[in-house]
Amino acid sequence: MERPAWAPRSIDISVPSVARIYDYYLGGSHNFEVDREAARKAMEFMPGLPKIMQANRAFMRRAVRHAVDQGITQFLDIGSGIPTFGNVHEVAQAAHPGSHVVYVDHDPVAVTHSEAVLADNDAADVVAADLRKPQDILASPRLQRLIDLNRPVALLLVAILHFVEDTDDPYGAVAELRDALAPGSLLVLTHASYEGIPLPPERSEGAVDVYKDIRNPLIMRSREEIARFFEGYDMVEPGLVPMPLWRPETAPEDEDPYAFSGFAGVGRAGGRTGGRTA
């Protein structure tokens, strides 16, 4: 397999990557045949996967515009993946040209491509780090150059927490990030769930098994389990809901049924700790 110029020498291009599979679902070009093969295999069980990813991105854009409307102009997007059209910095800076955006990912292709995309954008940067190690993110000079943690920040955890197993304490990581943010900060989150998928459970489980086979287990949590990530936040209306139902700009009844798979929500930090949840 020929290595394209944009692929770092350090990566094994024979092994599927969650970030590159996601890029494929969104119609991007930064993926390999091994990624496309895994994606097509998952789609044999759950053909609406691209629709779910598109609903994720549409929710993210609405949530970013909401944050700007609330006066927030700092964005920390962890698990940001490979930049595609309409990413956070484009939406935020279109809504408020002074917005600062920091992307975080541990996938080398995502980081390398983000650096290329952001080369001429002094108000946006990317950090190579892992959600499971919040202090590495918070201590990054690239983050500290752009993000003032004494002012409200929109923390985006979009389609990332379902790749963090319970043994890696995702709740602890989210709480650690929450405690580093100023009051008035927002948590913007989406998460996969069996709830809402228009398929029998055994079909959905087939797609989940594909991710397990490529050593990136997809952890399908219940609405109640997802709501726990919002401890210390007050939920923004309409709460934790299927993605098309969060402040829709088009009629939800026109959405593909797969778009209602999983949940999305936004919470506002009322203080350093404490608060009610979803």
Protein backbone atom coordinates (compact mmCIF):
# COMPACT_ATOMS: atom_id res chain seq x y z
CA MET A 1 0.00 0.00 0.00
CA GLU A 2 1.47 3.34 -1.06
CA ARG A 3 1.76 5.90 1.72
CA PRO A 4 0.30 9.31 0.76
CA ALA A 5 2.24 12.46 1.57
CA TRP A 6 -0.20 13.46 4.34
CA ALA A 7 0.28 10.20 6.31
CA PRO A 8 2.98 10.42 9.02
CA ARG A 9 5.71 7.80 8.76
CA SER A 10 5.00 6.76 12.36
CA ILE A 11 1.55 5.27 11.67
CA ASP A 12 0.75 1.76 10.57
CA ILE A 13 -1.50 2.24 7.54
CA SER A 14 -2.50 -1.42 7.59
CA VAL A 15 -4.45 -0.95 10.86
CA PRO A 16 -7.90 0.73 10.86
CA SER A 17 -8.29 4.01 12.74
CA VAL A 18 -11.50 5.28 14.34
CA ALA A 19 -10.70 8.85 13.25
CA ARG A 20 -10.17 7.79 9.63
CA ILE A 21 -13.32 5.61 9.64
CA TYR A 22 -15.27 8.64 10.88
CA ASP A 23 -13.66 10.71 8.11
CA TYR A 24 -14.88 8.13 5.58
CA TYR A 25 -18.46 8.24 6.94
CA LEU A 26 -18.42 12.04 6.50
CA GLY A 27 -17.19 11.79 2.91
CA GLY A 28 -13.60 12.83 3.66
CA SER A 29 -10.50 11.76 1.76
CA HIS A 30 -8.04 11.11 4.59
CA ASN A 31 -8.65 7.39 5.00
CA PHE A 32 -7.18 4.15 3.66
CA GLU A 33 -8.76 1.05 2.18
CA VAL A 34 -8.36 -0.73 5.53
CA ASP A 35 -10.51 2.01 7.13
CA ARG A 36 -13.09 1.86 4.35
CA GLU A 37 -13.25 -1.92 4.64
CA ALA A 38 -13.99 -1.72 8.38
CA ALA A 39 -16.58 0.99 7.77
CA ARG A 40 -18.34 -1.02 5.07
CA LYS A 41 -18.36 -4.08 7.31
CA ALA A 42 -20.01 -2.09 10.12
CA MET A 43 -22.51 -0.68 7.64
CA GLU A 44 -23.55 -4.20 6.64
CA PHE A 45 -25.13 -4.39 10.10
CA MET A 46 -26.03 -0.71 10.50
CA PRO A 47 -26.37 0.98 7.10
CA GLY A 48 -27.33 4.30 8.65
CA LEU A 49 -23.93 4.93 10.28
CA PRO A 50 -23.09 7.86 7.95
CA LYS A 51 -26.44 9.45 8.84
CA ILE A 52 -25.58 9.17 12.54
CA MET A 53 -22.21 10.86 11.97
CA GLN A 54 -23.83 13.62 9.92
CA ALA A 55 -26.34 14.21 12.73
CA ASN A 56 -23.39 14.43 15.14
CA ARG A 57 -21.76 17.13 13.06
CA ALA A 58 -25.00 19.05 12.58
CA PHE A 59 -25.59 19.05 16.35
CA MET A 60 -22.00 20.19 16.96
CA ARG A 61 -22.43 23.17 14.66
CA ARG A 62 -25.69 24.20 16.36
CA ALA A 63 -24.07 23.87 19.78
CA VAL A 64 -21.06 25.98 18.74
CA ARG A 65 -23.33 28.74 17.47
CA HIS A 66 -25.29 28.53 20.73
CA ALA A 67 -22.06 28.94 22.71
CA VAL A 68 -21.14 32.05 20.73
CA ASP A 69 -24.66 33.42 21.30
CA GLN A 70 -23.99 32.97 25.04
CA GLY A 71 -20.82 35.02 24.78
CA ILE A 72 -18.36 32.11 24.77
CA THR A 73 -15.49 32.51 22.30
CA GLN A 74 -13.10 29.78 23.53
CA PHE A 75 -13.52 26.20 22.32
CA LEU A 76 -11.71 23.03 23.42
CA ASP A 77 -12.60 20.10 21.15
CA ILE A 78 -11.23 16.80 22.50
CA GLY A 79 -11.31 13.80 20.21
CA SER A 80 -11.62 16.22 17.32
CA GLY A 81 -10.62 13.78 14.59
CA ILE A 82 -9.66 14.76 11.05
CA PRO A 83 -10.89 18.25 10.09
CA THR A 84 -13.66 18.25 7.52
CA PHE A 85 -15.77 21.07 6.10
CA GLY A 86 -17.75 22.92 8.77
CA ASN A 87 -15.46 22.05 11.67
CA VAL A 88 -15.48 23.92 14.99
CA HIS A 89 -13.02 26.68 14.08
CA GLU A 90 -14.90 27.49 10.87
CA VAL A 91 -18.27 27.69 12.63
CA ALA A 92 -17.00 29.57 15.69
CA GLN A 93 -14.87 32.07 13.79
CA ALA A 94 -17.66 32.73 11.29
CA ALA A 95 -19.99 33.51 14.20
CA HIS A 96 -17.34 35.50 16.11
CA PRO A 97 -14.06 36.23 14.29
CA GLY A 98 -12.12 36.50 17.55
CA SER A 99 -12.91 32.94 18.67
CA HIS A 100 -10.03 30.74 19.82
CA VAL A 101 -10.16 26.99 19.13
CA VAL A 102 -7.93 24.17 20.34
CA TYR A 103 -8.36 20.69 18.93
CA VAL A 104 -7.08 17.62 20.78
CA ASP A 105 -6.57 14.14 19.35
CA HIS A 106 -4.19 11.22 19.83
CA ASP A 107 -4.43 9.98 16.24
CA PRO A 108 -1.28 11.10 14.34
CA VAL A 109 -3.16 11.55 11.06
CA ALA A 110 -5.75 13.77 12.77
CA VAL A 111 -3.03 15.87 14.40
CA THR A 112 -0.88 16.18 11.27
CA HIS A 113 -3.80 17.11 9.05
CA SER A 114 -5.13 19.58 11.64
CA GLU A 115 -1.74 21.29 11.74
CA ALA A 116 -1.82 21.66 7.96
CA VAL A 117 -5.37 23.02 7.93
CA LEU A 118 -4.63 25.49 10.73
CA ALA A 119 -1.18 26.61 9.53
CA ASP A 120 -2.39 30.13 8.67
CA ASN A 121 -4.90 30.42 11.51
CA ASP A 122 -3.24 32.01 14.55
CA ALA A 123 -6.44 31.68 16.62
CA ALA A 124 -6.63 27.87 16.33
CA ASP A 125 -4.21 25.04 17.12
CA VAL A 126 -4.05 21.31 17.76
CA VAL A 127 -2.64 19.33 20.70
CA ALA A 128 -1.51 15.70 20.47
CA ALA A 129 -2.96 14.24 23.66
CA ASP A 130 -5.48 11.74 25.03
CA LEU A 131 -8.78 12.44 26.80
CA ARG A 132 -7.79 9.84 29.40
CA LYS A 133 -4.95 12.11 30.56
CA PRO A 134 -6.60 15.52 31.15
CA GLN A 135 -3.52 17.06 32.77
CA ASP A 136 -1.51 16.52 29.59
CA ILE A 137 -4.14 18.52 27.74
CA LEU A 138 -4.46 21.29 30.32
CA ALA A 139 -0.68 21.71 30.67
CA SER A 140 -0.06 21.98 26.93
CA PRO A 141 1.63 25.24 25.89
CA ARG A 142 -0.50 25.24 22.73
CA LEU A 143 -3.66 25.20 24.84
CA GLN A 144 -2.34 27.81 27.25
CA ARG A 145 -1.48 30.14 24.37
CA LEU A 146 -5.09 30.29 23.20
CA ILE A 147 -7.35 29.27 26.08
CA ASP A 148 -7.77 31.33 29.27
CA LEU A 149 -9.19 28.87 31.79
CA ASN A 150 -10.30 31.76 34.00
CA ARG A 151 -12.92 32.59 31.37
CA PRO A 152 -15.76 30.36 30.15
CA VAL A 153 -14.85 27.66 27.65
CA ALA A 154 -17.01 25.41 25.49
CA LEU A 155 -15.66 21.89 26.03
CA LEU A 156 -16.66 19.60 23.17
CA LEU A 157 -16.70 15.83 23.71
CA VAL A 158 -18.51 14.86 20.53
CA ALA A 159 -18.57 11.15 19.62
CA ILE A 160 -15.51 10.41 21.77
CA LEU A 161 -16.61 9.10 25.17
CA HIS A 162 -18.10 5.94 23.68
CA PHE A 163 -14.54 4.92 22.79
CA VAL A 164 -13.38 5.17 26.41
CA GLU A 165 -13.94 2.01 28.43
CA ASP A 166 -15.14 2.14 32.04
CA THR A 167 -11.79 0.72 33.17
CA ASP A 168 -10.18 3.97 31.92
CA ASP A 169 -12.52 6.04 34.13
CA PRO A 170 -14.17 8.35 31.59
CA TYR A 171 -16.30 9.92 34.33
CA GLY A 172 -13.18 10.87 36.26
CA ALA A 173 -11.59 12.42 33.17
CA VAL A 174 -14.68 14.50 32.41
CA ALA A 175 -14.90 15.62 36.05
CA GLU A 176 -11.22 16.63 36.04
CA LEU A 177 -11.77 18.76 32.95
CA ARG A 178 -14.94 20.25 34.47
CA ASP A 179 -13.08 21.28 37.60
CA ALA A 180 -10.47 23.12 35.50
CA LEU A 181 -13.09 25.25 33.73
CA ALA A 182 -14.50 28.60 34.83
CA PRO A 183 -18.15 28.97 35.89
CA GLY A 184 -20.35 29.54 32.86
CA SER A 185 -18.41 27.06 30.74
CA LEU A 186 -20.35 24.63 28.55
CA LEU A 187 -20.02 20.87 28.08
CA VAL A 188 -21.12 19.84 24.57
CA LEU A 189 -21.48 16.05 24.34
CA THR A 190 -22.79 13.28 22.12
CA HIS A 191 -22.66 9.58 22.90
CA ALA A 192 -23.67 6.36 21.17
CA SER A 193 -26.42 4.22 22.66
CA TYR A 194 -28.57 1.27 21.64
CA GLU A 195 -31.53 3.50 22.47
CA GLY A 196 -33.07 5.01 19.36
CA ILE A 197 -31.39 2.77 16.78
CA PRO A 198 -34.08 1.60 14.33
CA LEU A 199 -32.76 -1.97 14.27
CA PRO A 200 -33.12 -5.18 16.31
CA PRO A 201 -30.43 -5.34 19.03
CA GLU A 202 -28.59 -8.24 17.40
CA ARG A 203 -28.07 -6.18 14.21
CA SER A 204 -26.73 -3.23 16.17
CA GLU A 205 -24.41 -5.52 18.10
CA GLY A 206 -22.92 -6.70 14.80
CA ALA A 207 -21.68 -3.17 14.06
CA VAL A 208 -20.36 -2.82 17.63
CA ASP A 209 -18.43 -6.07 17.18
CA VAL A 210 -16.63 -4.60 14.15
CA TYR A 211 -15.14 -1.89 16.37
CA LYS A 212 -14.20 -4.52 18.95
CA ASP A 213 -12.43 -6.50 16.24
CA ILE A 214 -10.26 -3.49 15.32
CA ARG A 215 -9.38 -2.99 19.00
CA ASN A 216 -11.41 0.19 19.39
CA PRO A 217 -14.37 -1.05 21.44
CA LEU A 218 -17.55 0.99 21.05
CA ILE A 219 -19.13 1.34 24.50
CA MET A 220 -22.89 1.73 24.13
CA ARG A 221 -24.17 3.43 27.29
CA SER A 222 -27.74 4.04 28.41
CA ARG A 223 -29.25 7.52 28.65
CA GLU A 224 -28.88 7.33 32.43
CA GLU A 225 -25.19 6.45 32.14
CA ILE A 226 -24.62 9.25 29.63
CA ALA A 227 -26.38 11.74 31.90
CA ARG A 228 -23.76 11.06 34.59
CA PHE A 229 -21.17 12.88 32.47
CA PHE A 230 -23.10 16.08 33.17
CA GLU A 231 -22.59 15.96 36.95
CA GLY A 232 -21.69 19.49 38.03
CA TYR A 233 -23.53 21.04 35.08
CA ASP A 234 -27.03 22.47 34.70
CA MET A 235 -28.60 21.10 31.54
CA VAL A 236 -29.41 23.57 28.79
CA GLU A 237 -32.89 23.09 27.32
CA PRO A 238 -34.09 20.73 25.92
CA GLY A 239 -31.78 18.50 27.99
CA LEU A 240 -30.25 15.19 26.94
CA VAL A 241 -32.11 14.19 23.78
CA PRO A 242 -31.62 12.46 20.41
CA MET A 243 -29.38 14.66 18.26
CA PRO A 244 -32.02 16.05 15.83
CA LEU A 245 -34.15 17.19 18.77
CA TRP A 246 -31.53 19.51 20.27
CA ARG A 247 -32.63 22.99 19.12
CA PRO A 248 -33.36 21.88 15.57
CA GLU A 249 -33.06 24.28 12.64
CA THR A 250 -35.08 22.00 10.34
CA ALA A 251 -38.12 19.84 11.02
CA PRO A 252 -37.00 16.75 13.00
CA GLU A 253 -39.65 14.63 11.28
CA ASP A 254 -37.72 15.13 8.03
CA GLU A 255 -34.59 13.50 9.50
CA ASP A 256 -33.46 9.98 8.67
CA PRO A 257 -34.52 7.53 11.45
CA TYR A 258 -30.86 6.66 12.11
CA ALA A 259 -30.15 10.26 13.11
CA PHE A 260 -32.08 9.64 16.34
CA SER A 261 -29.57 7.00 17.52
CA GLY A 262 -27.77 7.97 20.73
CA PHE A 263 -27.97 11.22 22.68
CA ALA A 264 -26.74 14.81 22.66
CA GLY A 265 -26.76 17.52 25.28
CA VAL A 266 -25.23 20.75 26.50
CA GLY A 267 -24.60 21.60 30.14
CA ARG A 268 -23.56 24.87 31.79
CA ALA A 269 -21.10 24.86 34.68
CA GLY A 270 -22.50 26.80 37.60
CA GLY A 271 -19.33 26.58 39.70
CA ARG A 272 -16.14 24.62 40.12
CA THR A 273 -17.98 21.57 41.48
CA GLY A 274 -21.49 20.48 42.36
CA GLY A 275 -24.75 21.23 40.58
CA ARG A 276 -27.66 19.23 39.25
CA THR A 277 -27.57 16.87 36.33
CA ALA A 278 -29.77 15.67 33.50
